[in-house]
Amino acid sequence: MSHPTVIPMLTYAHGATAMDWLIEAFGFVEAVRWLDDDGRLSHGELLAGDGRLLLAELASYEGPTAHRARCPASDVWLSTPWVIDGVLVEVRDVDAHLERARAAGAGLLSGIEDSPHGRLYRAEDVEGHRWMFLQPEA
């Protein structure tokens, strides 16, 4: 099996819940889910087109949203709508993708915008990781 040359690896405080939410909200496809004896996500893989994301859970991990609540400095930089330490994902239909994300309760950081590279929007996931979804120019 071939793999992309870059594979994002994201940690969540509640990995299995985040994985389910990412599938529902962003349309990723589950490839692998390994839970430990306590039901925590020790390794998860999601597919996005020909891309792959690796996920894991760490009980002591504090995602961006939780960290922002107690850290004034992160609150400042997370107050911008830009993707900071995030993931860019190409999608075929950015309008439909945005509606799916909105229906699942994604934190929308922007509406759809035209850029030199195509149409895009930005969102936060259930724990505050930031994502940009881009429909490239045809």
C-alpha atoms as a PDB file:
ATOM      1  CA  MET A   1       0.000   0.000   0.000  1.00  0.00           C
ATOM      2  CA  SER A   2       1.386   3.407  -0.893  1.00  0.00           C
ATOM      3  CA  HIS A   3       1.225   6.260   1.596  1.00  0.00           C
ATOM      4  CA  PRO A   4       1.319  10.039   1.172  1.00  0.00           C
ATOM      5  CA  THR A   5       4.732  11.551   1.754  1.00  0.00           C
ATOM      6  CA  VAL A   6       3.398  13.688   4.623  1.00  0.00           C
ATOM      7  CA  ILE A   7       0.947  12.305   7.182  1.00  0.00           C
ATOM      8  CA  PRO A   8      -0.389  14.623   9.933  1.00  0.00           C
ATOM      9  CA  MET A   9      -0.435  13.119  13.434  1.00  0.00           C
ATOM     10  CA  LEU A  10      -2.915  14.676  15.870  1.00  0.00           C
ATOM     11  CA  THR A  11      -3.452  14.039  19.567  1.00  0.00           C
ATOM     12  CA  TYR A  12      -6.791  14.374  21.350  1.00  0.00           C
ATOM     13  CA  ALA A  13      -7.869  14.219  24.981  1.00  0.00           C
ATOM     14  CA  HIS A  14     -10.855  12.114  23.885  1.00  0.00           C
ATOM     15  CA  GLY A  15      -9.567  10.296  20.821  1.00  0.00           C
ATOM     16  CA  ALA A  16     -12.408   7.906  20.010  1.00  0.00           C
ATOM     17  CA  THR A  17     -14.983  10.693  20.389  1.00  0.00           C
ATOM     18  CA  ALA A  18     -12.892  13.015  18.222  1.00  0.00           C
ATOM     19  CA  MET A  19     -12.469  10.305  15.593  1.00  0.00           C
ATOM     20  CA  ASP A  20     -16.239   9.750  15.418  1.00  0.00           C
ATOM     21  CA  TRP A  21     -16.805  13.501  15.169  1.00  0.00           C
ATOM     22  CA  LEU A  22     -14.211  13.955  12.398  1.00  0.00           C
ATOM     23  CA  ILE A  23     -15.948  11.236  10.387  1.00  0.00           C
ATOM     24  CA  GLU A  24     -19.358  12.841  10.879  1.00  0.00           C
ATOM     25  CA  ALA A  25     -18.352  16.471  10.416  1.00  0.00           C
ATOM     26  CA  PHE A  26     -15.603  16.326   7.805  1.00  0.00           C
ATOM     27  CA  GLY A  27     -16.458  13.114   5.976  1.00  0.00           C
ATOM     28  CA  PHE A  28     -13.220  11.275   6.701  1.00  0.00           C
ATOM     29  CA  VAL A  29     -13.247   7.498   6.328  1.00  0.00           C
ATOM     30  CA  GLU A  30     -12.121   5.266   9.159  1.00  0.00           C
ATOM     31  CA  ALA A  31      -9.249   2.932   8.226  1.00  0.00           C
ATOM     32  CA  VAL A  32      -7.909   1.794  11.617  1.00  0.00           C
ATOM     33  CA  ARG A  33      -9.101   2.094  15.229  1.00  0.00           C
ATOM     34  CA  TRP A  34      -7.139   0.475  18.038  1.00  0.00           C
ATOM     35  CA  LEU A  35      -8.424   0.982  21.554  1.00  0.00           C
ATOM     36  CA  ASP A  36      -6.451   0.097  24.667  1.00  0.00           C
ATOM     37  CA  ASP A  37      -7.873  -1.947  27.547  1.00  0.00           C
ATOM     38  CA  ASP A  38      -9.424   1.206  29.025  1.00  0.00           C
ATOM     39  CA  GLY A  39     -11.183   2.131  25.763  1.00  0.00           C
ATOM     40  CA  ARG A  40      -8.794   4.954  24.865  1.00  0.00           C
ATOM     41  CA  LEU A  41      -7.691   5.437  21.282  1.00  0.00           C
ATOM     42  CA  SER A  42      -4.115   4.194  21.094  1.00  0.00           C
ATOM     43  CA  HIS A  43      -3.956   4.495  17.298  1.00  0.00           C
ATOM     44  CA  GLY A  44      -6.451   5.658  14.713  1.00  0.00           C
ATOM     45  CA  GLU A  45      -6.204   6.305  11.003  1.00  0.00           C
ATOM     46  CA  LEU A  46      -8.594   8.326   8.879  1.00  0.00           C
ATOM     47  CA  LEU A  47      -8.584   8.613   5.104  1.00  0.00           C
ATOM     48  CA  ALA A  48      -9.249  11.824   3.203  1.00  0.00           C
ATOM     49  CA  GLY A  49      -9.021  11.202  -0.535  1.00  0.00           C
ATOM     50  CA  ASP A  50      -5.523   9.846  -1.029  1.00  0.00           C
ATOM     51  CA  GLY A  51      -4.420  11.417   2.272  1.00  0.00           C
ATOM     52  CA  ARG A  52      -4.197   9.855   5.694  1.00  0.00           C
ATOM     53  CA  LEU A  53      -4.396  11.229   9.251  1.00  0.00           C
ATOM     54  CA  LEU A  54      -3.047   9.478  12.328  1.00  0.00           C
ATOM     55  CA  LEU A  55      -4.818  10.054  15.632  1.00  0.00           C
ATOM     56  CA  ALA A  56      -4.099   9.107  19.217  1.00  0.00           C
ATOM     57  CA  GLU A  57      -5.388   9.887  22.675  1.00  0.00           C
ATOM     58  CA  LEU A  58      -3.398  11.028  25.656  1.00  0.00           C
ATOM     59  CA  ALA A  59      -5.323  11.498  28.897  1.00  0.00           C
ATOM     60  CA  SER A  60      -3.082  14.355  30.027  1.00  0.00           C
ATOM     61  CA  TYR A  61      -3.334  16.127  26.638  1.00  0.00           C
ATOM     62  CA  GLU A  62      -4.946  19.537  26.481  1.00  0.00           C
ATOM     63  CA  GLY A  63      -6.339  20.444  23.061  1.00  0.00           C
ATOM     64  CA  PRO A  64      -6.347  24.009  21.739  1.00  0.00           C
ATOM     65  CA  THR A  65      -9.818  24.849  23.081  1.00  0.00           C
ATOM     66  CA  ALA A  66      -9.047  23.626  26.609  1.00  0.00           C
ATOM     67  CA  HIS A  67      -5.645  25.298  26.601  1.00  0.00           C
ATOM     68  CA  ARG A  68      -7.111  28.570  25.369  1.00  0.00           C
ATOM     69  CA  ALA A  69      -9.465  28.704  28.353  1.00  0.00           C
ATOM     70  CA  ARG A  70      -6.558  29.093  30.790  1.00  0.00           C
ATOM     71  CA  CYS A  71      -3.811  30.692  28.681  1.00  0.00           C
ATOM     72  CA  PRO A  72      -4.158  34.383  27.735  1.00  0.00           C
ATOM     73  CA  ALA A  73      -1.393  34.164  25.111  1.00  0.00           C
ATOM     74  CA  SER A  74      -3.069  31.326  23.212  1.00  0.00           C
ATOM     75  CA  ASP A  75      -6.401  33.129  23.486  1.00  0.00           C
ATOM     76  CA  VAL A  76      -4.828  36.028  21.573  1.00  0.00           C
ATOM     77  CA  TRP A  77      -3.496  33.966  18.680  1.00  0.00           C
ATOM     78  CA  LEU A  78      -6.562  31.716  18.548  1.00  0.00           C
ATOM     79  CA  SER A  79      -8.769  34.821  18.267  1.00  0.00           C
ATOM     80  CA  THR A  80      -7.731  35.083  14.617  1.00  0.00           C
ATOM     81  CA  PRO A  81      -9.637  33.110  11.960  1.00  0.00           C
ATOM     82  CA  TRP A  82      -6.395  31.759  10.481  1.00  0.00           C
ATOM     83  CA  VAL A  83      -5.308  28.166  10.600  1.00  0.00           C
ATOM     84  CA  ILE A  84      -2.514  28.000  13.150  1.00  0.00           C
ATOM     85  CA  ASP A  85      -0.858  24.579  13.435  1.00  0.00           C
ATOM     86  CA  GLY A  86      -3.571  23.022  11.328  1.00  0.00           C
ATOM     87  CA  VAL A  87      -4.247  20.720   8.428  1.00  0.00           C
ATOM     88  CA  LEU A  88      -5.181  21.572   4.824  1.00  0.00           C
ATOM     89  CA  VAL A  89      -7.524  19.113   3.109  1.00  0.00           C
ATOM     90  CA  GLU A  90      -8.622  19.250  -0.527  1.00  0.00           C
ATOM     91  CA  VAL A  91     -12.309  18.524  -1.127  1.00  0.00           C
ATOM     92  CA  ARG A  92     -14.386  18.179  -4.283  1.00  0.00           C
ATOM     93  CA  ASP A  93     -17.368  20.295  -3.208  1.00  0.00           C
ATOM     94  CA  VAL A  94     -16.467  22.924  -0.620  1.00  0.00           C
ATOM     95  CA  ASP A  95     -20.083  24.167  -0.348  1.00  0.00           C
ATOM     96  CA  ALA A  96     -21.442  20.732   0.587  1.00  0.00           C
ATOM     97  CA  HIS A  97     -18.476  20.131   2.880  1.00  0.00           C
ATOM     98  CA  LEU A  98     -19.109  23.374   4.761  1.00  0.00           C
ATOM     99  CA  GLU A  99     -22.773  22.475   5.254  1.00  0.00           C
ATOM    100  CA  ARG A 100     -21.842  19.034   6.595  1.00  0.00           C
ATOM    101  CA  ALA A 101     -19.359  20.599   9.031  1.00  0.00           C
ATOM    102  CA  ARG A 102     -21.896  23.232  10.110  1.00  0.00           C
ATOM    103  CA  ALA A 103     -24.557  20.568  10.741  1.00  0.00           C
ATOM    104  CA  ALA A 104     -22.122  18.642  12.968  1.00  0.00           C
ATOM    105  CA  GLY A 105     -21.359  21.754  15.015  1.00  0.00           C
ATOM    106  CA  ALA A 106     -17.893  22.581  13.703  1.00  0.00           C
ATOM    107  CA  GLY A 107     -16.526  25.895  14.903  1.00  0.00           C
ATOM    108  CA  LEU A 108     -16.508  27.857  11.677  1.00  0.00           C
ATOM    109  CA  LEU A 109     -13.651  30.324  11.471  1.00  0.00           C
ATOM    110  CA  SER A 110     -14.672  31.671   8.068  1.00  0.00           C
ATOM    111  CA  GLY A 111     -17.256  31.293   5.392  1.00  0.00           C
ATOM    112  CA  ILE A 112     -16.286  30.221   1.925  1.00  0.00           C
ATOM    113  CA  GLU A 113     -13.678  32.515   0.409  1.00  0.00           C
ATOM    114  CA  ASP A 114     -12.157  32.717  -3.044  1.00  0.00           C
ATOM    115  CA  SER A 115      -8.373  32.478  -3.102  1.00  0.00           C
ATOM    116  CA  PRO A 116      -5.776  32.256  -5.865  1.00  0.00           C
ATOM    117  CA  HIS A 117      -5.736  28.485  -5.258  1.00  0.00           C
ATOM    118  CA  GLY A 118      -9.498  27.867  -5.205  1.00  0.00           C
ATOM    119  CA  ARG A 119     -12.439  28.187  -2.834  1.00  0.00           C
ATOM    120  CA  LEU A 120     -11.874  27.490   0.855  1.00  0.00           C
ATOM    121  CA  TYR A 121     -13.165  27.754   4.380  1.00  0.00           C
ATOM    122  CA  ARG A 122     -11.619  27.307   7.823  1.00  0.00           C
ATOM    123  CA  ALA A 123     -12.982  25.436  10.848  1.00  0.00           C
ATOM    124  CA  GLU A 124     -12.113  24.091  14.281  1.00  0.00           C
ATOM    125  CA  ASP A 125     -12.851  20.520  15.300  1.00  0.00           C
ATOM    126  CA  VAL A 126     -14.389  19.279  18.530  1.00  0.00           C
ATOM    127  CA  GLU A 127     -11.175  19.931  20.541  1.00  0.00           C
ATOM    128  CA  GLY A 128     -10.096  23.069  18.697  1.00  0.00           C
ATOM    129  CA  HIS A 129      -7.619  21.752  16.122  1.00  0.00           C
ATOM    130  CA  ARG A 130      -7.798  23.939  13.041  1.00  0.00           C
ATOM    131  CA  TRP A 131      -8.560  22.814   9.514  1.00  0.00           C
ATOM    132  CA  MET A 132      -8.706  24.447   6.106  1.00  0.00           C
ATOM    133  CA  PHE A 133     -10.793  22.811   3.385  1.00  0.00           C
ATOM    134  CA  LEU A 134      -9.948  23.793  -0.182  1.00  0.00           C
ATOM    135  CA  GLN A 135     -11.703  23.080  -3.457  1.00  0.00           C
ATOM    136  CA  PRO A 136      -8.885  23.688  -5.947  1.00  0.00           C
ATOM    137  CA  GLU A 137      -9.499  25.665  -9.102  1.00  0.00           C
ATOM    138  CA  ALA A 138     -10.635  23.412 -11.936  1.00  0.00           C
END
